């Protein structure tokens, strides 16, 4: 009889009571990008809610918030719904920057017994120095502006000379 009671109590206490967790699915699972200093770069992530209830998803950059931004910062996803988030990068110096994009899912209801979920997407941003082409284009623009100013001054001088010739 004691064995029977212990067995029944074991089944009751070992039976899962219904602990469920929210889910997160993200594509791609990691980001590796190469860019140049002051060259804006963009990447999108597809975030999906695979759980059976709606949830609020929050997005954070662990490091380099001045260089990397996530848009939007949070969103609501219904069960099975997926949306895109934009990752914007504008590096101001060269180097290799490694960080994570943290995604946290939490229940819409404060009375929900479901636990939240979290996920980190590793990100590596390799930033190279600017090319010399930008400087050569800058000089081309300066020379073209100087030529246009010269033509303008020459045109004004021609008009002035004609007025002088007419008034004599």
C-alpha atoms as a PDB file:
ATOM      1  CA  UNK A   1       0.000   0.000   0.000  1.00  0.00           C
ATOM      2  CA  UNK A   2       2.829   2.395   0.791  1.00  0.00           C
ATOM      3  CA  UNK A   3       4.320   1.759  -2.623  1.00  0.00           C
ATOM      4  CA  UNK A   4       0.958   2.579  -4.237  1.00  0.00           C
ATOM      5  CA  UNK A   5       0.642   5.905  -2.388  1.00  0.00           C
ATOM      6  CA  UNK A   6       4.235   6.854  -3.229  1.00  0.00           C
ATOM      7  CA  UNK A   7       3.608   5.958  -6.876  1.00  0.00           C
ATOM      8  CA  UNK A   8       0.446   8.086  -7.055  1.00  0.00           C
ATOM      9  CA  UNK A   9       2.192  11.028  -5.362  1.00  0.00           C
ATOM     10  CA  UNK A  10       5.128  10.667  -7.751  1.00  0.00           C
ATOM     11  CA  UNK A  11       2.825  10.794 -10.758  1.00  0.00           C
ATOM     12  CA  UNK A  12       0.985  13.839  -9.388  1.00  0.00           C
ATOM     13  CA  UNK A  13       4.152  15.784  -8.586  1.00  0.00           C
ATOM     14  CA  UNK A  14       6.059  14.743 -11.700  1.00  0.00           C
ATOM     15  CA  UNK A  15       3.209  15.486 -14.080  1.00  0.00           C
ATOM     16  CA  UNK A  16       3.935  18.702 -15.979  1.00  0.00           C
ATOM     17  CA  UNK A  17       1.602  21.401 -14.745  1.00  0.00           C
ATOM     18  CA  UNK A  18       1.647  23.324 -17.999  1.00  0.00           C
ATOM     19  CA  UNK A  19       4.695  25.540 -17.944  1.00  0.00           C
ATOM     20  CA  UNK A  20       4.939  27.045 -21.379  1.00  0.00           C
ATOM     21  CA  UNK A  21       7.338  29.591 -22.788  1.00  0.00           C
ATOM     22  CA  UNK A  22       7.032  32.126 -25.552  1.00  0.00           C
ATOM     23  CA  UNK A  23       9.141  31.566 -28.642  1.00  0.00           C
ATOM     24  CA  UNK A  24      11.340  33.559 -31.012  1.00  0.00           C
ATOM     25  CA  UNK A  25      12.512  32.696 -34.492  1.00  0.00           C
ATOM     26  CA  UNK A  26      15.012  34.961 -36.322  1.00  0.00           C
ATOM     27  CA  UNK A  27      16.488  34.793 -39.813  1.00  0.00           C
ATOM     28  CA  UNK A  28      19.444  35.086 -40.417  1.00  0.00           C
ATOM     29  CA  UNK A  29      20.951  33.605 -37.274  1.00  0.00           C
ATOM     30  CA  UNK A  30      24.062  35.811 -37.486  1.00  0.00           C
ATOM     31  CA  UNK A  31      25.176  38.966 -39.297  1.00  0.00           C
ATOM     32  CA  UNK A  32      28.597  39.552 -40.891  1.00  0.00           C
ATOM     33  CA  UNK A  33      28.991  42.785 -42.857  1.00  0.00           C
ATOM     34  CA  UNK A  34      31.847  44.747 -44.385  1.00  0.00           C
ATOM     35  CA  UNK A  35      31.578  48.477 -45.067  1.00  0.00           C
ATOM     36  CA  UNK A  36      33.634  51.670 -45.194  1.00  0.00           C
ATOM     37  CA  UNK A  37      33.896  54.571 -42.774  1.00  0.00           C
ATOM     38  CA  UNK A  38      30.863  56.921 -43.029  1.00  0.00           C
ATOM     39  CA  UNK A  39      29.148  54.612 -45.533  1.00  0.00           C
ATOM     40  CA  UNK A  40      25.636  53.739 -44.309  1.00  0.00           C
ATOM     41  CA  UNK A  41      24.872  50.026 -44.354  1.00  0.00           C
ATOM     42  CA  UNK A  42      21.534  48.301 -43.819  1.00  0.00           C
ATOM     43  CA  UNK A  43      20.441  44.768 -42.989  1.00  0.00           C
ATOM     44  CA  UNK A  44      17.023  43.294 -42.242  1.00  0.00           C
ATOM     45  CA  UNK A  45      16.096  40.519 -39.867  1.00  0.00           C
ATOM     46  CA  UNK A  46      12.910  38.489 -40.097  1.00  0.00           C
ATOM     47  CA  UNK A  47      11.447  37.909 -36.636  1.00  0.00           C
ATOM     48  CA  UNK A  48       8.710  35.319 -36.155  1.00  0.00           C
ATOM     49  CA  UNK A  49       6.504  34.471 -33.191  1.00  0.00           C
ATOM     50  CA  UNK A  50       6.185  30.645 -33.290  1.00  0.00           C
ATOM     51  CA  UNK A  51       4.229  30.453 -30.025  1.00  0.00           C
ATOM     52  CA  UNK A  52       0.456  30.095 -29.676  1.00  0.00           C
ATOM     53  CA  UNK A  53      -0.174  33.574 -28.233  1.00  0.00           C
ATOM     54  CA  UNK A  54       0.631  37.171 -29.130  1.00  0.00           C
ATOM     55  CA  UNK A  55       3.730  38.710 -27.573  1.00  0.00           C
ATOM     56  CA  UNK A  56       5.674  41.963 -27.369  1.00  0.00           C
ATOM     57  CA  UNK A  57       9.151  41.751 -28.903  1.00  0.00           C
ATOM     58  CA  UNK A  58      11.863  44.186 -27.761  1.00  0.00           C
ATOM     59  CA  UNK A  59      15.113  44.720 -29.702  1.00  0.00           C
ATOM     60  CA  UNK A  60      18.417  45.985 -28.260  1.00  0.00           C
ATOM     61  CA  UNK A  61      21.991  46.452 -29.458  1.00  0.00           C
ATOM     62  CA  UNK A  62      24.357  45.271 -26.709  1.00  0.00           C
ATOM     63  CA  UNK A  63      27.255  47.575 -27.722  1.00  0.00           C
ATOM     64  CA  UNK A  64      27.989  50.421 -30.176  1.00  0.00           C
ATOM     65  CA  UNK A  65      24.561  52.109 -29.889  1.00  0.00           C
ATOM     66  CA  UNK A  66      26.076  55.239 -31.464  1.00  0.00           C
ATOM     67  CA  UNK A  67      26.949  53.277 -34.623  1.00  0.00           C
ATOM     68  CA  UNK A  68      24.238  50.605 -34.874  1.00  0.00           C
ATOM     69  CA  UNK A  69      20.481  51.136 -34.523  1.00  0.00           C
ATOM     70  CA  UNK A  70      17.470  48.832 -34.621  1.00  0.00           C
ATOM     71  CA  UNK A  71      14.156  50.025 -36.065  1.00  0.00           C
ATOM     72  CA  UNK A  72      11.609  49.536 -34.576  1.00  0.00           C
ATOM     73  CA  UNK A  73      12.686  49.148 -30.943  1.00  0.00           C
ATOM     74  CA  UNK A  74       9.694  46.908 -30.209  1.00  0.00           C
ATOM     75  CA  UNK A  75       6.615  45.414 -31.856  1.00  0.00           C
ATOM     76  CA  UNK A  76       3.672  43.143 -31.185  1.00  0.00           C
ATOM     77  CA  UNK A  77       3.534  39.881 -33.104  1.00  0.00           C
ATOM     78  CA  UNK A  78       0.458  37.691 -33.177  1.00  0.00           C
ATOM     79  CA  UNK A  79       0.806  33.902 -32.970  1.00  0.00           C
ATOM     80  CA  UNK A  80       2.653  32.653 -36.066  1.00  0.00           C
ATOM     81  CA  UNK A  81       3.155  36.194 -37.426  1.00  0.00           C
ATOM     82  CA  UNK A  82       6.481  37.420 -38.783  1.00  0.00           C
ATOM     83  CA  UNK A  83       7.805  40.919 -39.476  1.00  0.00           C
ATOM     84  CA  UNK A  84      11.033  42.543 -40.576  1.00  0.00           C
ATOM     85  CA  UNK A  85      13.226  44.793 -38.479  1.00  0.00           C
ATOM     86  CA  UNK A  86      15.874  47.087 -39.924  1.00  0.00           C
ATOM     87  CA  UNK A  87      19.443  47.283 -38.686  1.00  0.00           C
ATOM     88  CA  UNK A  88      21.086  50.623 -39.602  1.00  0.00           C
ATOM     89  CA  UNK A  89      24.849  51.115 -39.346  1.00  0.00           C
ATOM     90  CA  UNK A  90      26.892  54.290 -39.834  1.00  0.00           C
ATOM     91  CA  UNK A  91      30.449  53.629 -38.623  1.00  0.00           C
ATOM     92  CA  UNK A  92      32.648  56.628 -37.861  1.00  0.00           C
ATOM     93  CA  UNK A  93      35.957  54.769 -37.518  1.00  0.00           C
ATOM     94  CA  UNK A  94      37.603  51.706 -38.975  1.00  0.00           C
ATOM     95  CA  UNK A  95      37.977  48.418 -37.150  1.00  0.00           C
ATOM     96  CA  UNK A  96      36.155  45.186 -36.395  1.00  0.00           C
ATOM     97  CA  UNK A  97      33.100  45.628 -34.198  1.00  0.00           C
ATOM     98  CA  UNK A  98      31.497  42.588 -32.562  1.00  0.00           C
ATOM     99  CA  UNK A  99      28.218  42.814 -30.669  1.00  0.00           C
ATOM    100  CA  UNK A 100      24.874  41.071 -30.275  1.00  0.00           C
ATOM    101  CA  UNK A 101      21.352  42.032 -31.183  1.00  0.00           C
ATOM    102  CA  UNK A 102      19.236  40.990 -28.203  1.00  0.00           C
ATOM    103  CA  UNK A 103      15.609  40.051 -28.798  1.00  0.00           C
ATOM    104  CA  UNK A 104      13.271  39.572 -25.850  1.00  0.00           C
ATOM    105  CA  UNK A 105       9.700  38.245 -26.106  1.00  0.00           C
ATOM    106  CA  UNK A 106       7.237  38.915 -23.305  1.00  0.00           C
ATOM    107  CA  UNK A 107       3.568  38.162 -22.920  1.00  0.00           C
ATOM    108  CA  UNK A 108       0.990  40.857 -23.630  1.00  0.00           C
ATOM    109  CA  UNK A 109      -0.953  39.894 -20.531  1.00  0.00           C
ATOM    110  CA  UNK A 110       0.509  40.659 -17.120  1.00  0.00           C
ATOM    111  CA  UNK A 111      -1.459  37.697 -15.728  1.00  0.00           C
ATOM    112  CA  UNK A 112      -0.028  35.196 -18.178  1.00  0.00           C
ATOM    113  CA  UNK A 113       1.895  32.339 -16.610  1.00  0.00           C
ATOM    114  CA  UNK A 114       4.069  31.915 -19.664  1.00  0.00           C
ATOM    115  CA  UNK A 115       7.694  32.790 -19.212  1.00  0.00           C
ATOM    116  CA  UNK A 116       9.406  35.122 -21.638  1.00  0.00           C
ATOM    117  CA  UNK A 117      12.076  34.183 -24.116  1.00  0.00           C
ATOM    118  CA  UNK A 118      15.313  35.783 -25.180  1.00  0.00           C
ATOM    119  CA  UNK A 119      17.665  35.379 -28.088  1.00  0.00           C
ATOM    120  CA  UNK A 120      20.963  36.949 -29.162  1.00  0.00           C
ATOM    121  CA  UNK A 121      21.951  37.334 -32.802  1.00  0.00           C
ATOM    122  CA  UNK A 122      25.753  37.700 -33.101  1.00  0.00           C
ATOM    123  CA  UNK A 123      26.890  40.542 -35.329  1.00  0.00           C
ATOM    124  CA  UNK A 124      30.320  41.381 -36.745  1.00  0.00           C
ATOM    125  CA  UNK A 125      30.839  44.658 -38.595  1.00  0.00           C
ATOM    126  CA  UNK A 126      34.175  45.088 -40.396  1.00  0.00           C
ATOM    127  CA  UNK A 127      34.820  48.753 -41.243  1.00  0.00           C
ATOM    128  CA  UNK A 128      37.563  49.684 -43.706  1.00  0.00           C
ATOM    129  CA  UNK A 129      39.084  53.094 -44.408  1.00  0.00           C
ATOM    130  CA  UNK A 130      37.646  55.380 -47.079  1.00  0.00           C
ATOM    131  CA  UNK A 131      38.919  54.926 -50.607  1.00  0.00           C
ATOM    132  CA  UNK A 132      40.858  57.630 -52.403  1.00  0.00           C
ATOM    133  CA  UNK A 133      38.147  57.936 -55.073  1.00  0.00           C
ATOM    134  CA  UNK A 134      36.123  60.172 -52.796  1.00  0.00           C
ATOM    135  CA  UNK A 135      38.977  62.676 -52.602  1.00  0.00           C
ATOM    136  CA  UNK A 136      39.507  62.663 -56.379  1.00  0.00           C
ATOM    137  CA  UNK A 137      35.775  63.309 -56.922  1.00  0.00           C
ATOM    138  CA  UNK A 138      35.986  66.195 -54.464  1.00  0.00           C
ATOM    139  CA  UNK A 139      38.817  67.777 -56.475  1.00  0.00           C
ATOM    140  CA  UNK A 140      36.867  67.278 -59.693  1.00  0.00           C
ATOM    141  CA  UNK A 141      33.900  69.149 -58.208  1.00  0.00           C
ATOM    142  CA  UNK A 142      36.154  71.974 -56.991  1.00  0.00           C
ATOM    143  CA  UNK A 143      37.777  72.366 -60.431  1.00  0.00           C
ATOM    144  CA  UNK A 144      34.376  72.283 -62.171  1.00  0.00           C
ATOM    145  CA  UNK A 145      33.074  74.973 -59.793  1.00  0.00           C
ATOM    146  CA  UNK A 146      36.145  77.127 -60.473  1.00  0.00           C
ATOM    147  CA  UNK A 147      35.607  76.812 -64.245  1.00  0.00           C
ATOM    148  CA  UNK A 148      31.923  77.769 -63.902  1.00  0.00           C
ATOM    149  CA  UNK A 149      32.808  80.794 -61.742  1.00  0.00           C
ATOM    150  CA  UNK A 150      35.382  81.803 -64.377  1.00  0.00           C
ATOM    151  CA  UNK A 151      32.755  81.607 -67.155  1.00  0.00           C
ATOM    152  CA  UNK A 152      30.346  83.656 -65.018  1.00  0.00           C
ATOM    153  CA  UNK A 153      32.939  86.373 -64.409  1.00  0.00           C
ATOM    154  CA  UNK A 154      33.854  86.398 -68.118  1.00  0.00           C
ATOM    155  CA  UNK A 155      30.132  86.752 -69.022  1.00  0.00           C
ATOM    156  CA  UNK A 156      29.683  89.640 -66.600  1.00  0.00           C
ATOM    157  CA  UNK A 157      32.792  91.312 -68.034  1.00  0.00           C
ATOM    158  CA  UNK A 158      31.405  90.903 -71.617  1.00  0.00           C
ATOM    159  CA  UNK A 159      28.055  92.467 -70.640  1.00  0.00           C
ATOM    160  CA  UNK A 160      29.845  95.334 -68.911  1.00  0.00           C
ATOM    161  CA  UNK A 161      32.057  95.952 -71.980  1.00  0.00           C
ATOM    162  CA  UNK A 162      29.001  96.056 -74.256  1.00  0.00           C
ATOM    163  CA  UNK A 163      27.289  98.573 -72.021  1.00  0.00           C
ATOM    164  CA  UNK A 164      30.446 100.691 -72.087  1.00  0.00           C
ATOM    165  CA  UNK A 165      30.567 100.511 -75.892  1.00  0.00           C
ATOM    166  CA  UNK A 166      26.865 101.450 -76.223  1.00  0.00           C
ATOM    167  CA  UNK A 167      27.124 104.417 -73.859  1.00  0.00           C
ATOM    168  CA  UNK A 168      29.988 106.021 -75.892  1.00  0.00           C
END
